[in-house]
Amino acid sequence: MNDLSSTPAPEDDRPVRQRKPDWIRVKAPVSKGYHETRKMMRELNLNTVCEEAACPNIGECWSKKHATVMILGDVCTRACAFCNVKTGMPRIVDPMEPENTAIAAAKMGLEHIVITSVDRDDLPDGGAGQFVKVIQALRRETPNTTIEILTPDFRGKMRAAVEAICEAGPDVYNHNLETVPRLYPTIRPGARYYASLRLLEEVKSHNPLIFTKSGIMLGLGEQRLEVHQVMDDMRSADVDFITMGQYLQPTPKHAKVEDFVTPKAFDAFGSIARAKGFLQVASTPLTRSSYHAGDDFAQMQAAREAKLAKQRAKEGKGA
């Protein structure tokens, strides 16, 4: 009877929720397609980053039966200040996860699928083996589906993990830098900026034909020139595709939004990124790693083909 934990806090003590600008608001997920996608994920015992990370685009994507599967469970061994995924001691890896992921891709008729995961620092390989099994299952069950993976940094196990995954042959390898290096100690304390850059370089060294992709969130207090430097660092690592989106605070206990970046500012960052040589750029407030990933992949393929054709024509003239 003396437990006051459920007593509402006085008005002045309650965390202030920031009001989102009009350009960041989205419709509530109520469509038939949304509910069908949700039902299928539950039946196959699959987790999605769409739900766990409270993605604002879930209504739009799931209505089209596009979902990003999050493998290796729904509990992360890290506690990043921006992320809504649960933190703690994860459960045993589900051996049916690869097969169920392939079944989901087939049922949804996906031309392109994105697979991500929680961090699993508790596993000897960081979870790389499960990525390999998922890729292999997808190649067997839906051979025409292109595969994009979004992996953690495999801290202390990176080289072996990247080598195994590259051997499995994903079409796109994504690993997000998330923010500028100055903010890592507070926003991404369990990771290291330059270790993430080395991972992206490692992918290209194993297989230059795999597209690489990375993204950052804006609105965490970064400076404009710091964002430009991240772009330069990505290009030095030969990253093909950059995504930039607005950070949204999942709950009052997470890092607060320092600034709502305007669509015009996102357009300006996008123009600079294109000038720096990225094959593909996605820069809007609602951009997320897997948002419109299939369309972006097709455009990235076309951009590479156009670039190669231009190089061949130039070499032909010089011959």
C-alpha atoms as a PDB file:
ATOM      1  CA  MET A   1       0.000   0.000   0.000  1.00  0.00           C
ATOM      2  CA  ASN A   2       2.996   2.294   0.455  1.00  0.00           C
ATOM      3  CA  ASP A   3       4.213   1.729  -3.138  1.00  0.00           C
ATOM      4  CA  LEU A   4       3.740   5.036  -4.927  1.00  0.00           C
ATOM      5  CA  SER A   5       5.300   3.933  -8.244  1.00  0.00           C
ATOM      6  CA  SER A   6       1.963   4.055 -10.048  1.00  0.00           C
ATOM      7  CA  THR A   7       1.032   7.485  -8.701  1.00  0.00           C
ATOM      8  CA  PRO A   8       1.006  10.068 -11.525  1.00  0.00           C
ATOM      9  CA  ALA A   9       3.901  12.476 -11.306  1.00  0.00           C
ATOM     10  CA  PRO A  10       3.127  16.099 -10.531  1.00  0.00           C
ATOM     11  CA  GLU A  11       2.551  18.103 -13.697  1.00  0.00           C
ATOM     12  CA  ASP A  12       5.855  19.978 -13.379  1.00  0.00           C
ATOM     13  CA  ASP A  13       7.864  16.733 -12.986  1.00  0.00           C
ATOM     14  CA  ARG A  14       6.566  15.005 -16.096  1.00  0.00           C
ATOM     15  CA  PRO A  15       8.957  14.790 -19.074  1.00  0.00           C
ATOM     16  CA  VAL A  16       8.081  17.305 -21.755  1.00  0.00           C
ATOM     17  CA  ARG A  17       7.297  15.617 -25.071  1.00  0.00           C
ATOM     18  CA  GLN A  18       8.478  17.674 -28.005  1.00  0.00           C
ATOM     19  CA  ARG A  19       5.865  18.672 -30.541  1.00  0.00           C
ATOM     20  CA  LYS A  20       6.740  17.370 -33.985  1.00  0.00           C
ATOM     21  CA  PRO A  21       6.612  19.779 -36.928  1.00  0.00           C
ATOM     22  CA  ASP A  22       4.008  19.159 -39.621  1.00  0.00           C
ATOM     23  CA  TRP A  23       6.532  17.658 -42.047  1.00  0.00           C
ATOM     24  CA  ILE A  24       7.370  14.773 -39.673  1.00  0.00           C
ATOM     25  CA  ARG A  25       3.828  13.591 -38.945  1.00  0.00           C
ATOM     26  CA  VAL A  26       2.480  10.364 -40.439  1.00  0.00           C
ATOM     27  CA  LYS A  27      -0.861   8.585 -40.543  1.00  0.00           C
ATOM     28  CA  ALA A  28      -1.680   5.896 -37.981  1.00  0.00           C
ATOM     29  CA  PRO A  29      -1.288   2.303 -39.315  1.00  0.00           C
ATOM     30  CA  VAL A  30      -4.848   1.075 -39.914  1.00  0.00           C
ATOM     31  CA  SER A  31      -4.883  -0.490 -43.405  1.00  0.00           C
ATOM     32  CA  LYS A  32      -5.839  -4.068 -44.213  1.00  0.00           C
ATOM     33  CA  GLY A  33      -2.326  -4.714 -45.560  1.00  0.00           C
ATOM     34  CA  TYR A  34      -0.809  -3.526 -42.289  1.00  0.00           C
ATOM     35  CA  HIS A  35      -2.876  -5.959 -40.229  1.00  0.00           C
ATOM     36  CA  GLU A  36      -2.166  -8.842 -42.637  1.00  0.00           C
ATOM     37  CA  THR A  37       1.586  -8.212 -42.410  1.00  0.00           C
ATOM     38  CA  ARG A  38       1.449  -8.030 -38.616  1.00  0.00           C
ATOM     39  CA  LYS A  39      -0.533 -11.291 -38.415  1.00  0.00           C
ATOM     40  CA  MET A  40       1.948 -13.123 -40.644  1.00  0.00           C
ATOM     41  CA  MET A  41       4.964 -11.949 -38.626  1.00  0.00           C
ATOM     42  CA  ARG A  42       3.332 -13.209 -35.426  1.00  0.00           C
ATOM     43  CA  GLU A  43       2.439 -16.572 -36.987  1.00  0.00           C
ATOM     44  CA  LEU A  44       6.044 -17.079 -38.144  1.00  0.00           C
ATOM     45  CA  ASN A  45       7.472 -15.892 -34.811  1.00  0.00           C
ATOM     46  CA  LEU A  46       9.485 -13.161 -36.531  1.00  0.00           C
ATOM     47  CA  ASN A  47      10.532  -9.813 -35.083  1.00  0.00           C
ATOM     48  CA  THR A  48      10.675  -6.649 -37.147  1.00  0.00           C
ATOM     49  CA  VAL A  49      12.719  -3.512 -36.625  1.00  0.00           C
ATOM     50  CA  CYS A  50       9.663  -1.645 -37.879  1.00  0.00           C
ATOM     51  CA  GLU A  51       7.911  -2.433 -34.576  1.00  0.00           C
ATOM     52  CA  GLU A  52      10.848  -2.674 -32.179  1.00  0.00           C
ATOM     53  CA  ALA A  53      12.397   0.637 -33.253  1.00  0.00           C
ATOM     54  CA  ALA A  54       9.000   2.393 -33.500  1.00  0.00           C
ATOM     55  CA  CYS A  55       9.567   3.373 -37.136  1.00  0.00           C
ATOM     56  CA  PRO A  56       7.291   6.225 -38.268  1.00  0.00           C
ATOM     57  CA  ASN A  57       6.899   4.637 -41.720  1.00  0.00           C
ATOM     58  CA  ILE A  58       5.425   1.334 -40.518  1.00  0.00           C
ATOM     59  CA  GLY A  59       1.910   2.168 -41.719  1.00  0.00           C
ATOM     60  CA  GLU A  60       3.020   2.944 -45.265  1.00  0.00           C
ATOM     61  CA  CYS A  61       5.477   0.058 -45.586  1.00  0.00           C
ATOM     62  CA  TRP A  62       3.317  -2.658 -44.037  1.00  0.00           C
ATOM     63  CA  SER A  63       0.295  -1.622 -46.089  1.00  0.00           C
ATOM     64  CA  LYS A  64       2.448  -2.558 -49.110  1.00  0.00           C
ATOM     65  CA  LYS A  65       3.599  -5.740 -47.322  1.00  0.00           C
ATOM     66  CA  HIS A  66       7.175  -4.507 -46.987  1.00  0.00           C
ATOM     67  CA  ALA A  67       8.749  -5.377 -43.640  1.00  0.00           C
ATOM     68  CA  THR A  68      12.308  -5.418 -42.302  1.00  0.00           C
ATOM     69  CA  VAL A  69      12.947  -8.642 -40.410  1.00  0.00           C
ATOM     70  CA  MET A  70      15.057  -8.337 -37.248  1.00  0.00           C
ATOM     71  CA  ILE A  71      16.869 -11.612 -36.590  1.00  0.00           C
ATOM     72  CA  LEU A  72      18.653 -12.932 -33.478  1.00  0.00           C
ATOM     73  CA  GLY A  73      15.731 -12.104 -31.200  1.00  0.00           C
ATOM     74  CA  ASP A  74      14.323  -8.844 -29.890  1.00  0.00           C
ATOM     75  CA  VAL A  75      16.721  -8.164 -26.985  1.00  0.00           C
ATOM     76  CA  CYS A  76      19.967  -6.264 -27.616  1.00  0.00           C
ATOM     77  CA  THR A  77      23.176  -6.493 -25.598  1.00  0.00           C
ATOM     78  CA  ARG A  78      23.873  -2.775 -26.131  1.00  0.00           C
ATOM     79  CA  ALA A  79      22.024   0.270 -24.807  1.00  0.00           C
ATOM     80  CA  CYS A  80      22.363   3.054 -27.367  1.00  0.00           C
ATOM     81  CA  ALA A  81      20.766   6.355 -26.326  1.00  0.00           C
ATOM     82  CA  PHE A  82      18.695   6.644 -29.513  1.00  0.00           C
ATOM     83  CA  CYS A  83      17.349   3.111 -29.862  1.00  0.00           C
ATOM     84  CA  ASN A  84      13.981   1.751 -28.703  1.00  0.00           C
ATOM     85  CA  VAL A  85      14.960  -1.945 -28.860  1.00  0.00           C
ATOM     86  CA  LYS A  86      14.964  -3.738 -25.484  1.00  0.00           C
ATOM     87  CA  THR A  87      18.299  -4.200 -23.705  1.00  0.00           C
ATOM     88  CA  GLY A  88      19.241  -7.207 -21.578  1.00  0.00           C
ATOM     89  CA  MET A  89      20.305 -10.837 -21.775  1.00  0.00           C
ATOM     90  CA  PRO A  90      18.980 -12.284 -25.054  1.00  0.00           C
ATOM     91  CA  ARG A  91      17.345 -15.673 -25.418  1.00  0.00           C
ATOM     92  CA  ILE A  92      18.794 -18.595 -27.371  1.00  0.00           C
ATOM     93  CA  VAL A  93      18.905 -18.075 -31.148  1.00  0.00           C
ATOM     94  CA  ASP A  94      15.829 -19.478 -32.912  1.00  0.00           C
ATOM     95  CA  PRO A  95      16.970 -22.230 -35.356  1.00  0.00           C
ATOM     96  CA  MET A  96      13.769 -21.741 -37.406  1.00  0.00           C
ATOM     97  CA  GLU A  97      14.403 -18.046 -37.984  1.00  0.00           C
ATOM     98  CA  PRO A  98      16.187 -18.429 -41.362  1.00  0.00           C
ATOM     99  CA  GLU A  99      13.481 -20.697 -42.803  1.00  0.00           C
ATOM    100  CA  ASN A 100      10.644 -18.546 -41.441  1.00  0.00           C
ATOM    101  CA  THR A 101      12.241 -15.426 -42.894  1.00  0.00           C
ATOM    102  CA  ALA A 102      12.359 -17.080 -46.317  1.00  0.00           C
ATOM    103  CA  ILE A 103       8.714 -18.175 -45.968  1.00  0.00           C
ATOM    104  CA  ALA A 104       7.708 -14.604 -45.115  1.00  0.00           C
ATOM    105  CA  ALA A 105       9.595 -13.228 -48.136  1.00  0.00           C
ATOM    106  CA  ALA A 106       7.887 -15.747 -50.417  1.00  0.00           C
ATOM    107  CA  LYS A 107       4.404 -15.054 -48.995  1.00  0.00           C
ATOM    108  CA  MET A 108       4.859 -11.303 -49.371  1.00  0.00           C
ATOM    109  CA  GLY A 109       6.243 -11.731 -52.886  1.00  0.00           C
ATOM    110  CA  LEU A 110       9.217  -9.528 -52.082  1.00  0.00           C
ATOM    111  CA  GLU A 111      11.531  -8.476 -54.894  1.00  0.00           C
ATOM    112  CA  HIS A 112      13.891  -6.974 -52.302  1.00  0.00           C
ATOM    113  CA  ILE A 113      14.199  -7.796 -48.597  1.00  0.00           C
ATOM    114  CA  VAL A 114      16.067  -6.081 -45.774  1.00  0.00           C
ATOM    115  CA  ILE A 115      17.385  -8.159 -42.856  1.00  0.00           C
ATOM    116  CA  THR A 116      18.758  -6.547 -39.715  1.00  0.00           C
ATOM    117  CA  SER A 117      19.486  -7.697 -36.162  1.00  0.00           C
ATOM    118  CA  VAL A 118      20.058  -6.718 -32.591  1.00  0.00           C
ATOM    119  CA  ASP A 119      23.623  -6.653 -31.269  1.00  0.00           C
ATOM    120  CA  ARG A 120      24.601 -10.067 -29.891  1.00  0.00           C
ATOM    121  CA  ASP A 121      27.889  -9.526 -28.098  1.00  0.00           C
ATOM    122  CA  ASP A 122      27.130 -12.716 -26.143  1.00  0.00           C
ATOM    123  CA  LEU A 123      27.611 -14.956 -29.206  1.00  0.00           C
ATOM    124  CA  PRO A 124      31.089 -16.171 -30.270  1.00  0.00           C
ATOM    125  CA  ASP A 125      30.546 -14.895 -33.831  1.00  0.00           C
ATOM    126  CA  GLY A 126      28.362 -11.919 -32.888  1.00  0.00           C
ATOM    127  CA  GLY A 127      25.491 -13.533 -34.775  1.00  0.00           C
ATOM    128  CA  ALA A 128      27.187 -13.559 -38.192  1.00  0.00           C
ATOM    129  CA  GLY A 129      26.350 -17.248 -38.696  1.00  0.00           C
ATOM    130  CA  GLN A 130      22.627 -16.517 -38.448  1.00  0.00           C
ATOM    131  CA  PHE A 131      22.932 -13.837 -41.146  1.00  0.00           C
ATOM    132  CA  VAL A 132      24.630 -16.445 -43.352  1.00  0.00           C
ATOM    133  CA  LYS A 133      21.835 -18.979 -42.734  1.00  0.00           C
ATOM    134  CA  VAL A 134      19.142 -16.408 -43.508  1.00  0.00           C
ATOM    135  CA  ILE A 135      20.836 -15.414 -46.770  1.00  0.00           C
ATOM    136  CA  GLN A 136      21.186 -19.080 -47.765  1.00  0.00           C
ATOM    137  CA  ALA A 137      17.525 -19.805 -46.949  1.00  0.00           C
ATOM    138  CA  LEU A 138      16.386 -16.824 -49.025  1.00  0.00           C
ATOM    139  CA  ARG A 139      18.545 -17.912 -51.970  1.00  0.00           C
ATOM    140  CA  ARG A 140      16.918 -21.369 -51.824  1.00  0.00           C
ATOM    141  CA  GLU A 141      13.300 -20.301 -51.353  1.00  0.00           C
ATOM    142  CA  THR A 142      13.126 -16.992 -53.228  1.00  0.00           C
ATOM    143  CA  PRO A 143      16.114 -16.941 -55.598  1.00  0.00           C
ATOM    144  CA  ASN A 144      14.908 -13.827 -57.425  1.00  0.00           C
ATOM    145  CA  THR A 145      14.677 -11.720 -54.279  1.00  0.00           C
ATOM    146  CA  THR A 146      17.587  -9.323 -53.847  1.00  0.00           C
ATOM    147  CA  ILE A 147      18.963  -9.259 -50.304  1.00  0.00           C
ATOM    148  CA  GLU A 148      20.030  -6.273 -48.245  1.00  0.00           C
ATOM    149  CA  ILE A 149      21.475  -6.773 -44.774  1.00  0.00           C
ATOM    150  CA  LEU A 150      21.949  -4.221 -42.014  1.00  0.00           C
ATOM    151  CA  THR A 151      24.421  -5.607 -39.492  1.00  0.00           C
ATOM    152  CA  PRO A 152      25.848  -4.532 -36.147  1.00  0.00           C
ATOM    153  CA  ASP A 153      29.572  -3.828 -35.832  1.00  0.00           C
ATOM    154  CA  PHE A 154      30.515  -7.339 -34.566  1.00  0.00           C
ATOM    155  CA  ARG A 155      32.780  -5.767 -31.955  1.00  0.00           C
ATOM    156  CA  GLY A 156      35.991  -7.780 -31.577  1.00  0.00           C
ATOM    157  CA  LYS A 157      34.858 -10.289 -34.220  1.00  0.00           C
ATOM    158  CA  MET A 158      34.490  -8.054 -37.246  1.00  0.00           C
ATOM    159  CA  ARG A 159      36.866  -9.530 -39.834  1.00  0.00           C
ATOM    160  CA  ALA A 160      35.706 -13.132 -39.552  1.00  0.00           C
ATOM    161  CA  ALA A 161      32.061 -12.040 -39.411  1.00  0.00           C
ATOM    162  CA  VAL A 162      32.291  -9.845 -42.505  1.00  0.00           C
ATOM    163  CA  GLU A 163      34.198 -12.506 -44.430  1.00  0.00           C
ATOM    164  CA  ALA A 164      31.542 -15.163 -43.703  1.00  0.00           C
ATOM    165  CA  ILE A 165      28.653 -12.867 -44.626  1.00  0.00           C
ATOM    166  CA  CYS A 166      30.307 -11.641 -47.823  1.00  0.00           C
ATOM    167  CA  GLU A 167      30.880 -15.270 -48.861  1.00  0.00           C
ATOM    168  CA  ALA A 168      27.101 -15.812 -48.528  1.00  0.00           C
ATOM    169  CA  GLY A 169      26.650 -13.053 -51.099  1.00  0.00           C
ATOM    170  CA  PRO A 170      24.152 -10.354 -50.078  1.00  0.00           C
ATOM    171  CA  ASP A 171      23.418  -7.739 -52.732  1.00  0.00           C
ATOM    172  CA  VAL A 172      23.695  -4.804 -50.315  1.00  0.00           C
ATOM    173  CA  TYR A 173      25.669  -4.612 -47.066  1.00  0.00           C
ATOM    174  CA  ASN A 174      24.483  -1.834 -44.778  1.00  0.00           C
ATOM    175  CA  HIS A 175      26.095  -0.762 -41.524  1.00  0.00           C
ATOM    176  CA  ASN A 176      25.038   2.579 -40.068  1.00  0.00           C
ATOM    177  CA  LEU A 177      27.469   5.086 -38.575  1.00  0.00           C
ATOM    178  CA  GLU A 178      24.378   6.641 -36.893  1.00  0.00           C
ATOM    179  CA  THR A 179      25.929   9.988 -35.913  1.00  0.00           C
ATOM    180  CA  VAL A 180      29.062  12.126 -36.049  1.00  0.00           C
ATOM    181  CA  PRO A 181      32.151  10.919 -34.120  1.00  0.00           C
ATOM    182  CA  ARG A 182      31.934  13.683 -31.479  1.00  0.00           C
ATOM    183  CA  LEU A 183      28.567  12.360 -30.277  1.00  0.00           C
ATOM    184  CA  TYR A 184      29.528   8.673 -30.011  1.00  0.00           C
ATOM    185  CA  PRO A 185      30.302   8.713 -26.252  1.00  0.00           C
ATOM    186  CA  THR A 186      26.737   9.803 -25.438  1.00  0.00           C
ATOM    187  CA  ILE A 187      24.681   8.476 -28.367  1.00  0.00           C
ATOM    188  CA  ARG A 188      26.461   5.228 -29.302  1.00  0.00           C
ATOM    189  CA  PRO A 189      28.720   4.460 -26.313  1.00  0.00           C
ATOM    190  CA  GLY A 190      29.155   0.750 -27.044  1.00  0.00           C
ATOM    191  CA  ALA A 191      30.578   1.364 -30.511  1.00  0.00           C
ATOM    192  CA  ARG A 192      33.554   3.092 -32.131  1.00  0.00           C
ATOM    193  CA  TYR A 193      33.211   5.359 -35.171  1.00  0.00           C
ATOM    194  CA  TYR A 194      36.396   4.270 -36.923  1.00  0.00           C
ATOM    195  CA  ALA A 195      35.701   0.584 -36.244  1.00  0.00           C
ATOM    196  CA  SER A 196      32.419   0.996 -38.133  1.00  0.00           C
ATOM    197  CA  LEU A 197      34.238   2.680 -41.009  1.00  0.00           C
ATOM    198  CA  ARG A 198      36.723  -0.212 -41.119  1.00  0.00           C
ATOM    199  CA  LEU A 199      33.830  -2.679 -41.339  1.00  0.00           C
ATOM    200  CA  LEU A 200      32.507  -0.922 -44.442  1.00  0.00           C
ATOM    201  CA  GLU A 201      36.005  -0.937 -45.959  1.00  0.00           C
ATOM    202  CA  GLU A 202      36.335  -4.638 -45.155  1.00  0.00           C
ATOM    203  CA  VAL A 203      33.182  -5.464 -47.117  1.00  0.00           C
ATOM    204  CA  LYS A 204      34.590  -3.815 -50.247  1.00  0.00           C
ATOM    205  CA  SER A 205      37.951  -5.527 -49.816  1.00  0.00           C
ATOM    206  CA  HIS A 206      36.207  -8.930 -49.759  1.00  0.00           C
ATOM    207  CA  ASN A 207      33.850  -8.239 -52.651  1.00  0.00           C
ATOM    208  CA  PRO A 208      33.873  -4.896 -54.502  1.00  0.00           C
ATOM    209  CA  LEU A 209      30.626  -5.838 -56.279  1.00  0.00           C
ATOM    210  CA  ILE A 210      28.564  -5.821 -53.072  1.00  0.00           C
ATOM    211  CA  PHE A 211      26.912  -2.429 -52.708  1.00  0.00           C
ATOM    212  CA  THR A 212      27.703  -0.777 -49.374  1.00  0.00           C
ATOM    213  CA  LYS A 213      25.349   1.532 -47.552  1.00  0.00           C
ATOM    214  CA  SER A 214      25.452   3.586 -44.365  1.00  0.00           C
ATOM    215  CA  GLY A 215      23.315   6.188 -42.675  1.00  0.00           C
ATOM    216  CA  ILE A 216      23.218   8.872 -40.025  1.00  0.00           C
ATOM    217  CA  MET A 217      20.493  10.547 -37.989  1.00  0.00           C
ATOM    218  CA  LEU A 218      20.226  14.324 -37.914  1.00  0.00           C
ATOM    219  CA  GLY A 219      18.865  16.415 -35.071  1.00  0.00           C
ATOM    220  CA  LEU A 220      21.116  15.097 -32.280  1.00  0.00           C
ATOM    221  CA  GLY A 221      23.222  18.235 -32.028  1.00  0.00           C
ATOM    222  CA  GLU A 222      25.627  17.602 -34.897  1.00  0.00           C
ATOM    223  CA  GLN A 223      27.122  20.542 -36.814  1.00  0.00           C
ATOM    224  CA  ARG A 224      26.841  20.984 -40.575  1.00  0.00           C
ATOM    225  CA  LEU A 225      30.567  20.587 -41.222  1.00  0.00           C
ATOM    226  CA  GLU A 226      30.627  17.450 -39.064  1.00  0.00           C
ATOM    227  CA  VAL A 227      27.996  15.920 -41.361  1.00  0.00           C
ATOM    228  CA  HIS A 228      30.113  16.855 -44.387  1.00  0.00           C
ATOM    229  CA  GLN A 229      33.103  15.120 -42.766  1.00  0.00           C
ATOM    230  CA  VAL A 230      31.072  11.942 -42.218  1.00  0.00           C
ATOM    231  CA  MET A 231      30.197  12.007 -45.927  1.00  0.00           C
ATOM    232  CA  ASP A 232      33.900  12.310 -46.803  1.00  0.00           C
ATOM    233  CA  ASP A 233      34.768   9.453 -44.450  1.00  0.00           C
ATOM    234  CA  MET A 234      32.108   7.260 -46.063  1.00  0.00           C
ATOM    235  CA  ARG A 235      33.386   8.032 -49.539  1.00  0.00           C
ATOM    236  CA  SER A 236      36.948   7.230 -48.405  1.00  0.00           C
ATOM    237  CA  ALA A 237      35.565   3.823 -47.385  1.00  0.00           C
ATOM    238  CA  ASP A 238      33.956   3.545 -50.865  1.00  0.00           C
ATOM    239  CA  VAL A 239      30.386   3.566 -49.499  1.00  0.00           C
ATOM    240  CA  ASP A 240      27.900   3.608 -52.373  1.00  0.00           C
ATOM    241  CA  PHE A 241      24.712   4.773 -50.658  1.00  0.00           C
ATOM    242  CA  ILE A 242      24.112   7.255 -47.831  1.00  0.00           C
ATOM    243  CA  THR A 243      20.848   7.707 -45.942  1.00  0.00           C
ATOM    244  CA  MET A 244      20.059  10.721 -43.767  1.00  0.00           C
ATOM    245  CA  GLY A 245      16.907  11.034 -41.675  1.00  0.00           C
ATOM    246  CA  GLN A 246      15.507  12.929 -38.714  1.00  0.00           C
ATOM    247  CA  TYR A 247      16.144  11.440 -35.274  1.00  0.00           C
ATOM    248  CA  LEU A 248      12.923  11.025 -33.293  1.00  0.00           C
ATOM    249  CA  GLN A 249      12.973  10.447 -29.540  1.00  0.00           C
ATOM    250  CA  PRO A 250      11.268   7.064 -28.887  1.00  0.00           C
ATOM    251  CA  THR A 251      10.560   7.763 -25.184  1.00  0.00           C
ATOM    252  CA  PRO A 252      11.419  10.533 -22.691  1.00  0.00           C
ATOM    253  CA  LYS A 253      14.296   8.406 -21.317  1.00  0.00           C
ATOM    254  CA  HIS A 254      16.109   8.422 -24.683  1.00  0.00           C
ATOM    255  CA  ALA A 255      18.367  11.157 -26.066  1.00  0.00           C
ATOM    256  CA  LYS A 256      16.316  14.253 -26.770  1.00  0.00           C
ATOM    257  CA  VAL A 257      15.864  15.853 -30.173  1.00  0.00           C
ATOM    258  CA  GLU A 258      18.141  18.887 -30.307  1.00  0.00           C
ATOM    259  CA  ASP A 259      16.762  20.141 -33.607  1.00  0.00           C
ATOM    260  CA  PHE A 260      14.070  19.295 -36.143  1.00  0.00           C
ATOM    261  CA  VAL A 261      15.971  19.642 -39.403  1.00  0.00           C
ATOM    262  CA  THR A 262      13.873  21.193 -42.164  1.00  0.00           C
ATOM    263  CA  PRO A 263      13.139  19.426 -45.470  1.00  0.00           C
ATOM    264  CA  LYS A 264      15.068  22.216 -47.213  1.00  0.00           C
ATOM    265  CA  ALA A 265      18.152  21.476 -45.105  1.00  0.00           C
ATOM    266  CA  PHE A 266      17.820  17.752 -45.888  1.00  0.00           C
ATOM    267  CA  ASP A 267      17.682  18.619 -49.605  1.00  0.00           C
ATOM    268  CA  ALA A 268      20.875  20.652 -49.227  1.00  0.00           C
ATOM    269  CA  PHE A 269      22.672  17.783 -47.479  1.00  0.00           C
ATOM    270  CA  GLY A 270      21.449  15.453 -50.241  1.00  0.00           C
ATOM    271  CA  SER A 271      22.843  17.715 -52.963  1.00  0.00           C
ATOM    272  CA  ILE A 272      26.235  17.836 -51.240  1.00  0.00           C
ATOM    273  CA  ALA A 273      26.274  14.041 -50.892  1.00  0.00           C
ATOM    274  CA  ARG A 274      25.560  13.583 -54.604  1.00  0.00           C
ATOM    275  CA  ALA A 275      28.363  16.016 -55.450  1.00  0.00           C
ATOM    276  CA  LYS A 276      30.727  13.910 -53.327  1.00  0.00           C
ATOM    277  CA  GLY A 277      30.103  10.892 -55.557  1.00  0.00           C
ATOM    278  CA  PHE A 278      27.627   8.585 -53.819  1.00  0.00           C
ATOM    279  CA  LEU A 279      25.778   6.342 -56.275  1.00  0.00           C
ATOM    280  CA  GLN A 280      22.545   6.782 -54.298  1.00  0.00           C
ATOM    281  CA  VAL A 281      21.392   9.318 -51.711  1.00  0.00           C
ATOM    282  CA  ALA A 282      18.251   9.352 -49.555  1.00  0.00           C
ATOM    283  CA  SER A 283      17.906  12.520 -47.474  1.00  0.00           C
ATOM    284  CA  THR A 284      14.507  13.445 -46.060  1.00  0.00           C
ATOM    285  CA  PRO A 285      13.121  13.808 -42.524  1.00  0.00           C
ATOM    286  CA  LEU A 286      11.362  10.415 -42.754  1.00  0.00           C
ATOM    287  CA  THR A 287      14.251   8.558 -44.421  1.00  0.00           C
ATOM    288  CA  ARG A 288      15.162   5.340 -42.623  1.00  0.00           C
ATOM    289  CA  SER A 289      17.673   2.619 -43.584  1.00  0.00           C
ATOM    290  CA  SER A 290      15.107   0.324 -45.176  1.00  0.00           C
ATOM    291  CA  TYR A 291      12.533   2.911 -46.320  1.00  0.00           C
ATOM    292  CA  HIS A 292      11.933   2.436 -50.077  1.00  0.00           C
ATOM    293  CA  ALA A 293      14.974   0.148 -50.079  1.00  0.00           C
ATOM    294  CA  GLY A 294      13.841  -1.837 -53.127  1.00  0.00           C
ATOM    295  CA  ASP A 295      13.347   1.235 -55.311  1.00  0.00           C
ATOM    296  CA  ASP A 296      16.627   2.701 -54.081  1.00  0.00           C
ATOM    297  CA  PHE A 297      18.449  -0.540 -54.904  1.00  0.00           C
ATOM    298  CA  ALA A 298      17.159  -0.494 -58.491  1.00  0.00           C
ATOM    299  CA  GLN A 299      18.257   3.125 -58.885  1.00  0.00           C
ATOM    300  CA  MET A 300      21.666   2.325 -57.413  1.00  0.00           C
ATOM    301  CA  GLN A 301      22.137  -0.551 -59.871  1.00  0.00           C
ATOM    302  CA  ALA A 302      21.220   1.762 -62.749  1.00  0.00           C
ATOM    303  CA  ALA A 303      23.626   4.428 -61.497  1.00  0.00           C
ATOM    304  CA  ARG A 304      26.485   1.911 -61.345  1.00  0.00           C
ATOM    305  CA  GLU A 305      25.728   0.675 -64.860  1.00  0.00           C
ATOM    306  CA  ALA A 306      25.654   4.248 -66.171  1.00  0.00           C
ATOM    307  CA  LYS A 307      28.947   5.017 -64.446  1.00  0.00           C
ATOM    308  CA  LEU A 308      30.608   1.897 -65.871  1.00  0.00           C
ATOM    309  CA  ALA A 309      29.249   2.626 -69.367  1.00  0.00           C
ATOM    310  CA  LYS A 310      30.673   6.135 -69.167  1.00  0.00           C
ATOM    311  CA  GLN A 311      34.069   4.780 -68.122  1.00  0.00           C
ATOM    312  CA  ARG A 312      34.049   2.237 -70.972  1.00  0.00           C
ATOM    313  CA  ALA A 313      33.165   4.940 -73.496  1.00  0.00           C
ATOM    314  CA  LYS A 314      35.969   7.148 -72.211  1.00  0.00           C
ATOM    315  CA  GLU A 315      38.466   4.289 -72.414  1.00  0.00           C
ATOM    316  CA  GLY A 316      37.271   3.500 -75.946  1.00  0.00           C
ATOM    317  CA  LYS A 317      37.935   7.053 -77.078  1.00  0.00           C
ATOM    318  CA  GLY A 318      41.391   6.959 -75.553  1.00  0.00           C
ATOM    319  CA  ALA A 319      42.322   3.710 -77.297  1.00  0.00           C
END
